[in-house]
């Protein structure tokens, strides 16, 4: 039996400077309830172990010489996953609004009336 009622929502989660122990408790709870995690190059992949095993985990990092997603593509992925799976955690290194593009992601989700929660992280 599948759940046909999906409640899309996005959490912009700051992962902190790299040490998994610096993730906030609220951030941990968000990861534990994620249906999808979109994570950046600057996040410690050990944090992904806190997401449910069945959660979809997608690397959307941007680094020189590596596979890279344009910001527009990340925004569209966030929206598509939220509409089709439910809770998307956008895991970003540091704080989503310090050197990140959290405002763009927040505005994009808001333009589609997708609820967004922001959980700050320690700035890297």
N, C-alpha and C. Protein backbone atom coordinates (compact mmCIF):
# COMPACT_ATOMS: atom_id res chain seq x y z
N UNK A 1 0.85 -1.18 0.00
CA UNK A 1 0.00 0.00 0.00
C UNK A 1 0.89 1.24 0.00
N UNK A 2 0.62 2.16 -0.86
CA UNK A 2 1.41 3.37 -0.93
C UNK A 2 0.61 4.56 -0.43
N UNK A 3 1.33 5.52 0.07
CA UNK A 3 0.71 6.75 0.54
C UNK A 3 0.55 7.68 -0.66
N UNK A 4 -0.68 7.94 -1.05
CA UNK A 4 -0.91 8.80 -2.20
C UNK A 4 -1.00 10.27 -1.82
N UNK A 5 -1.03 10.56 -0.53
CA UNK A 5 -1.10 11.95 -0.07
C UNK A 5 0.30 12.40 0.34
N UNK A 6 0.90 13.21 -0.50
CA UNK A 6 2.25 13.72 -0.23
C UNK A 6 2.14 15.17 0.20
N UNK A 7 2.79 15.49 1.29
CA UNK A 7 2.84 16.88 1.77
C UNK A 7 4.23 17.43 1.48
N UNK A 8 4.37 18.19 0.40
CA UNK A 8 5.69 18.71 0.06
C UNK A 8 6.16 19.75 1.07
N UNK A 9 7.42 19.66 1.43
CA UNK A 9 8.04 20.68 2.26
C UNK A 9 9.54 20.59 2.07
N UNK A 10 10.21 21.70 2.31
CA UNK A 10 11.66 21.78 2.14
C UNK A 10 12.26 22.33 3.42
N UNK A 11 13.36 21.72 3.84
CA UNK A 11 14.13 22.24 4.96
C UNK A 11 15.50 22.64 4.43
N UNK A 12 15.84 23.92 4.58
CA UNK A 12 17.19 24.39 4.26
C UNK A 12 18.01 24.24 5.52
N UNK A 13 18.94 23.30 5.51
CA UNK A 13 19.67 22.93 6.72
C UNK A 13 21.15 23.25 6.58
N UNK A 14 21.65 24.07 7.49
CA UNK A 14 23.07 24.35 7.56
C UNK A 14 23.78 23.23 8.29
N UNK A 15 24.76 22.62 7.62
CA UNK A 15 25.47 21.47 8.18
C UNK A 15 26.65 21.86 9.06
N UNK A 16 26.97 23.14 9.11
CA UNK A 16 28.12 23.57 9.90
C UNK A 16 29.42 23.42 9.12
N UNK A 17 30.56 23.59 9.81
CA UNK A 17 31.85 23.64 9.13
C UNK A 17 32.46 22.28 8.78
N UNK A 18 31.76 21.20 9.01
CA UNK A 18 32.28 19.89 8.61
C UNK A 18 32.24 18.83 9.69
N UNK A 19 32.36 19.22 10.94
CA UNK A 19 32.31 18.26 12.05
C UNK A 19 30.86 17.86 12.29
N UNK A 20 30.50 16.59 12.10
CA UNK A 20 29.10 16.17 12.28
C UNK A 20 28.55 16.47 13.68
N UNK A 21 29.41 16.56 14.68
CA UNK A 21 28.95 16.84 16.04
C UNK A 21 28.44 18.27 16.19
N UNK A 22 28.70 19.13 15.21
CA UNK A 22 28.25 20.51 15.30
C UNK A 22 26.88 20.74 14.67
N UNK A 23 26.27 19.68 14.15
CA UNK A 23 24.91 19.78 13.64
C UNK A 23 23.95 20.03 14.81
N UNK A 24 22.98 20.91 14.63
CA UNK A 24 22.03 21.19 15.70
C UNK A 24 21.08 20.01 15.90
N UNK A 25 20.46 19.94 17.06
CA UNK A 25 19.47 18.90 17.32
C UNK A 25 18.28 19.03 16.37
N UNK A 26 17.88 20.26 16.08
CA UNK A 26 16.78 20.47 15.15
C UNK A 26 17.17 19.98 13.75
N UNK A 27 18.42 20.19 13.39
CA UNK A 27 18.92 19.70 12.10
C UNK A 27 18.93 18.19 12.05
N UNK A 28 19.32 17.56 13.14
CA UNK A 28 19.32 16.10 13.22
C UNK A 28 17.91 15.56 13.03
N UNK A 29 16.94 16.18 13.70
CA UNK A 29 15.54 15.75 13.58
C UNK A 29 15.04 15.90 12.14
N UNK A 30 15.45 16.97 11.48
CA UNK A 30 15.04 17.17 10.08
C UNK A 30 15.60 16.06 9.20
N UNK A 31 16.88 15.73 9.39
CA UNK A 31 17.48 14.65 8.59
C UNK A 31 16.79 13.32 8.84
N UNK A 32 16.41 13.07 10.08
CA UNK A 32 15.78 11.80 10.44
C UNK A 32 14.40 11.63 9.81
N UNK A 33 13.80 12.72 9.36
CA UNK A 33 12.47 12.65 8.76
C UNK A 33 12.49 12.94 7.26
N UNK A 34 13.67 12.98 6.67
CA UNK A 34 13.80 13.32 5.25
C UNK A 34 13.35 12.18 4.35
N UNK A 35 12.67 12.55 3.29
CA UNK A 35 12.38 11.61 2.21
C UNK A 35 13.47 11.70 1.15
N UNK A 36 14.05 12.90 1.02
CA UNK A 36 15.11 13.17 0.05
C UNK A 36 16.11 14.12 0.71
N UNK A 37 17.41 13.88 0.47
CA UNK A 37 18.45 14.80 0.93
C UNK A 37 19.26 15.23 -0.30
N UNK A 38 19.30 16.53 -0.54
CA UNK A 38 20.15 17.10 -1.58
C UNK A 38 21.32 17.75 -0.85
N UNK A 39 22.54 17.27 -1.08
CA UNK A 39 23.67 17.74 -0.29
C UNK A 39 24.79 18.30 -1.16
N UNK A 40 25.52 19.25 -0.56
CA UNK A 40 26.60 19.98 -1.23
C UNK A 40 27.96 19.33 -1.03
N UNK A 41 28.93 19.85 -1.77
CA UNK A 41 30.31 19.37 -1.68
C UNK A 41 30.92 19.65 -0.31
N UNK A 42 30.52 20.71 0.33
CA UNK A 42 31.13 21.10 1.60
C UNK A 42 30.50 20.43 2.82
N UNK A 43 29.54 19.55 2.62
CA UNK A 43 28.94 18.86 3.75
C UNK A 43 29.65 17.53 3.99
N UNK A 44 29.74 17.15 5.24
CA UNK A 44 30.35 15.88 5.61
C UNK A 44 29.34 14.77 5.31
N UNK A 45 29.73 13.84 4.46
CA UNK A 45 28.79 12.78 4.05
C UNK A 45 28.40 11.87 5.21
N UNK A 46 29.12 11.92 6.33
CA UNK A 46 28.74 11.14 7.51
C UNK A 46 27.36 11.57 8.01
N UNK A 47 26.97 12.80 7.73
CA UNK A 47 25.65 13.28 8.14
C UNK A 47 24.52 12.52 7.46
N UNK A 48 24.79 11.97 6.29
CA UNK A 48 23.76 11.24 5.56
C UNK A 48 23.30 9.99 6.30
N UNK A 49 24.11 9.48 7.21
CA UNK A 49 23.71 8.29 7.97
C UNK A 49 22.54 8.58 8.90
N UNK A 50 22.27 9.85 9.16
CA UNK A 50 21.14 10.21 10.02
C UNK A 50 19.81 10.22 9.27
N UNK A 51 19.88 10.21 7.95
CA UNK A 51 18.65 10.14 7.15
C UNK A 51 18.18 8.70 7.10
N UNK A 52 16.89 8.47 6.94
CA UNK A 52 16.40 7.09 6.82
C UNK A 52 17.10 6.36 5.66
N UNK A 53 17.30 5.07 5.84
CA UNK A 53 17.99 4.27 4.82
C UNK A 53 17.30 4.37 3.46
N UNK A 54 15.97 4.47 3.48
CA UNK A 54 15.22 4.52 2.23
C UNK A 54 15.15 5.92 1.60
N UNK A 55 15.68 6.92 2.30
CA UNK A 55 15.67 8.28 1.75
C UNK A 55 16.57 8.36 0.52
N UNK A 56 16.15 9.13 -0.44
CA UNK A 56 16.95 9.37 -1.64
C UNK A 56 18.01 10.41 -1.28
N UNK A 57 19.26 10.12 -1.63
CA UNK A 57 20.36 11.05 -1.34
C UNK A 57 21.01 11.44 -2.66
N UNK A 58 21.02 12.74 -2.94
CA UNK A 58 21.52 13.23 -4.22
C UNK A 58 22.61 14.28 -3.99
N UNK A 59 23.79 14.01 -4.54
CA UNK A 59 24.89 14.97 -4.48
C UNK A 59 24.67 16.05 -5.53
N UNK A 60 24.60 17.30 -5.09
CA UNK A 60 24.42 18.42 -6.01
C UNK A 60 25.54 19.44 -5.83
N UNK A 61 26.70 18.95 -5.43
CA UNK A 61 27.83 19.83 -5.13
C UNK A 61 28.40 20.53 -6.34
N UNK A 62 29.13 21.58 -6.05
CA UNK A 62 29.80 22.36 -7.09
C UNK A 62 31.26 22.52 -6.66
N UNK A 63 32.16 21.90 -7.40
CA UNK A 63 33.59 22.07 -7.17
C UNK A 63 34.29 22.05 -8.51
N UNK A 64 35.38 22.75 -8.57
CA UNK A 64 36.15 22.81 -9.81
C UNK A 64 36.58 21.41 -10.24
N UNK A 65 36.30 21.07 -11.49
CA UNK A 65 36.73 19.79 -12.03
C UNK A 65 35.83 18.62 -11.69
N UNK A 66 34.74 18.85 -10.97
CA UNK A 66 33.81 17.78 -10.60
C UNK A 66 32.47 18.01 -11.27
N UNK A 67 31.65 16.97 -11.24
CA UNK A 67 30.27 17.09 -11.72
C UNK A 67 29.62 18.25 -10.98
N UNK A 68 28.92 19.06 -11.70
CA UNK A 68 28.36 20.25 -11.08
C UNK A 68 26.93 20.49 -11.56
N UNK A 69 26.11 20.96 -10.65
CA UNK A 69 24.74 21.33 -10.97
C UNK A 69 24.65 22.85 -10.97
N UNK A 70 23.99 23.40 -11.97
CA UNK A 70 23.70 24.83 -11.97
C UNK A 70 22.64 25.09 -10.90
N UNK A 71 22.62 26.30 -10.36
CA UNK A 71 21.67 26.62 -9.30
C UNK A 71 20.23 26.42 -9.76
N UNK A 72 19.94 26.76 -11.00
CA UNK A 72 18.59 26.58 -11.53
C UNK A 72 18.19 25.10 -11.51
N UNK A 73 19.13 24.23 -11.83
CA UNK A 73 18.85 22.79 -11.81
C UNK A 73 18.61 22.29 -10.39
N UNK A 74 19.37 22.82 -9.43
CA UNK A 74 19.17 22.44 -8.03
C UNK A 74 17.79 22.88 -7.56
N UNK A 75 17.40 24.10 -7.92
CA UNK A 75 16.08 24.60 -7.54
C UNK A 75 14.98 23.69 -8.09
N UNK A 76 15.11 23.30 -9.35
CA UNK A 76 14.10 22.44 -9.97
C UNK A 76 14.07 21.05 -9.33
N UNK A 77 15.24 20.51 -9.00
CA UNK A 77 15.30 19.22 -8.31
C UNK A 77 14.58 19.29 -6.97
N UNK A 78 14.87 20.36 -6.22
CA UNK A 78 14.23 20.55 -4.91
C UNK A 78 12.73 20.51 -5.05
N UNK A 79 12.22 21.27 -5.99
CA UNK A 79 10.78 21.35 -6.21
C UNK A 79 10.21 20.00 -6.64
N UNK A 80 10.82 19.37 -7.63
CA UNK A 80 10.33 18.08 -8.14
C UNK A 80 10.31 17.02 -7.05
N UNK A 81 11.39 16.93 -6.28
CA UNK A 81 11.43 15.93 -5.21
C UNK A 81 10.39 16.23 -4.13
N UNK A 82 10.21 17.50 -3.78
CA UNK A 82 9.22 17.86 -2.76
C UNK A 82 7.81 17.47 -3.22
N UNK A 83 7.49 17.76 -4.47
CA UNK A 83 6.16 17.46 -4.99
C UNK A 83 5.91 15.95 -5.12
N UNK A 84 6.96 15.20 -5.40
CA UNK A 84 6.81 13.77 -5.66
C UNK A 84 7.12 12.85 -4.48
N UNK A 85 7.89 13.37 -3.50
CA UNK A 85 8.29 12.51 -2.38
C UNK A 85 7.94 13.08 -1.01
N UNK A 86 7.82 14.40 -0.88
CA UNK A 86 7.48 14.98 0.41
C UNK A 86 8.57 15.86 0.96
N UNK A 87 9.19 15.41 2.05
CA UNK A 87 10.15 16.24 2.79
C UNK A 87 11.54 16.18 2.15
N UNK A 88 11.97 17.32 1.63
CA UNK A 88 13.31 17.45 1.06
C UNK A 88 14.17 18.24 2.03
N UNK A 89 15.30 17.67 2.41
CA UNK A 89 16.28 18.40 3.21
C UNK A 89 17.39 18.85 2.27
N UNK A 90 17.57 20.15 2.19
CA UNK A 90 18.65 20.73 1.37
C UNK A 90 19.80 20.98 2.32
N UNK A 91 20.76 20.07 2.34
CA UNK A 91 21.87 20.08 3.29
C UNK A 91 23.02 20.89 2.69
N UNK A 92 23.34 21.99 3.36
CA UNK A 92 24.34 22.92 2.83
C UNK A 92 25.47 23.10 3.85
N UNK A 93 26.70 23.20 3.35
CA UNK A 93 27.84 23.45 4.23
C UNK A 93 27.71 24.80 4.92
N UNK A 94 28.18 24.87 6.16
CA UNK A 94 28.11 26.12 6.91
C UNK A 94 26.68 26.50 7.23
N UNK A 95 26.33 27.73 6.92
CA UNK A 95 24.98 28.25 7.12
C UNK A 95 24.38 28.51 5.74
N UNK A 96 23.11 28.17 5.52
CA UNK A 96 22.52 28.32 4.19
C UNK A 96 22.54 29.74 3.62
N UNK A 97 22.69 30.74 4.50
CA UNK A 97 22.60 32.12 4.03
C UNK A 97 23.93 32.88 4.10
N UNK A 98 24.99 32.22 4.54
CA UNK A 98 26.32 32.83 4.55
C UNK A 98 27.13 32.13 3.46
N UNK A 99 27.40 32.81 2.40
CA UNK A 99 28.12 32.29 1.22
C UNK A 99 27.35 31.19 0.50
N UNK A 100 26.14 30.89 0.95
CA UNK A 100 25.31 29.90 0.27
C UNK A 100 24.29 30.63 -0.58
N UNK A 101 23.44 29.89 -1.20
CA UNK A 101 22.42 30.51 -2.04
C UNK A 101 21.04 30.20 -1.46
N UNK A 102 21.00 30.21 -0.13
CA UNK A 102 19.76 29.89 0.57
C UNK A 102 18.60 30.79 0.19
N UNK A 103 18.88 32.08 0.00
CA UNK A 103 17.79 33.01 -0.35
C UNK A 103 17.16 32.65 -1.69
N UNK A 104 18.01 32.27 -2.65
CA UNK A 104 17.47 31.90 -3.96
C UNK A 104 16.60 30.65 -3.85
N UNK A 105 17.07 29.68 -3.07
CA UNK A 105 16.32 28.44 -2.92
C UNK A 105 15.01 28.68 -2.16
N UNK A 106 15.07 29.51 -1.15
CA UNK A 106 13.87 29.87 -0.39
C UNK A 106 12.86 30.58 -1.29
N UNK A 107 13.32 31.56 -2.05
CA UNK A 107 12.42 32.29 -2.96
C UNK A 107 11.81 31.38 -4.01
N UNK A 108 12.61 30.45 -4.54
CA UNK A 108 12.11 29.54 -5.57
C UNK A 108 10.99 28.67 -5.01
N UNK A 109 11.24 28.06 -3.85
CA UNK A 109 10.23 27.20 -3.23
C UNK A 109 8.98 28.01 -2.89
N UNK A 110 9.18 29.22 -2.38
CA UNK A 110 8.06 30.08 -2.02
C UNK A 110 7.21 30.44 -3.24
N UNK A 111 7.85 30.60 -4.39
CA UNK A 111 7.10 30.95 -5.60
C UNK A 111 6.15 29.82 -6.04
N UNK A 112 6.38 28.62 -5.52
CA UNK A 112 5.50 27.48 -5.80
C UNK A 112 4.67 27.09 -4.57
N UNK A 113 4.67 27.98 -3.56
CA UNK A 113 3.91 27.76 -2.32
C UNK A 113 4.30 26.48 -1.59
N UNK A 114 5.58 26.13 -1.66
CA UNK A 114 6.10 24.99 -0.91
C UNK A 114 6.59 25.52 0.43
N UNK A 115 6.10 24.99 1.55
CA UNK A 115 6.57 25.45 2.86
C UNK A 115 8.06 25.17 3.04
N UNK A 116 8.76 26.16 3.59
CA UNK A 116 10.20 26.03 3.82
C UNK A 116 10.51 26.34 5.27
N UNK A 117 11.33 25.48 5.86
CA UNK A 117 11.87 25.71 7.19
C UNK A 117 13.36 25.95 7.03
N UNK A 118 13.88 26.94 7.73
CA UNK A 118 15.32 27.22 7.69
C UNK A 118 15.91 26.85 9.04
N UNK A 119 16.95 26.02 9.00
CA UNK A 119 17.68 25.65 10.21
C UNK A 119 19.12 26.09 10.00
N UNK A 120 19.54 27.16 10.69
CA UNK A 120 20.88 27.67 10.47
C UNK A 120 21.95 26.70 10.95
N UNK A 121 23.12 26.87 10.40
CA UNK A 121 24.27 26.10 10.84
C UNK A 121 25.39 27.04 11.23
N UNK A 122 26.38 26.51 11.91
CA UNK A 122 27.55 27.31 12.25
C UNK A 122 28.25 27.65 10.95
N UNK A 123 28.57 28.92 10.75
CA UNK A 123 29.19 29.34 9.50
C UNK A 123 30.59 28.75 9.38
N UNK A 124 30.88 28.28 8.18
CA UNK A 124 32.22 27.76 7.94
C UNK A 124 33.10 28.88 7.43
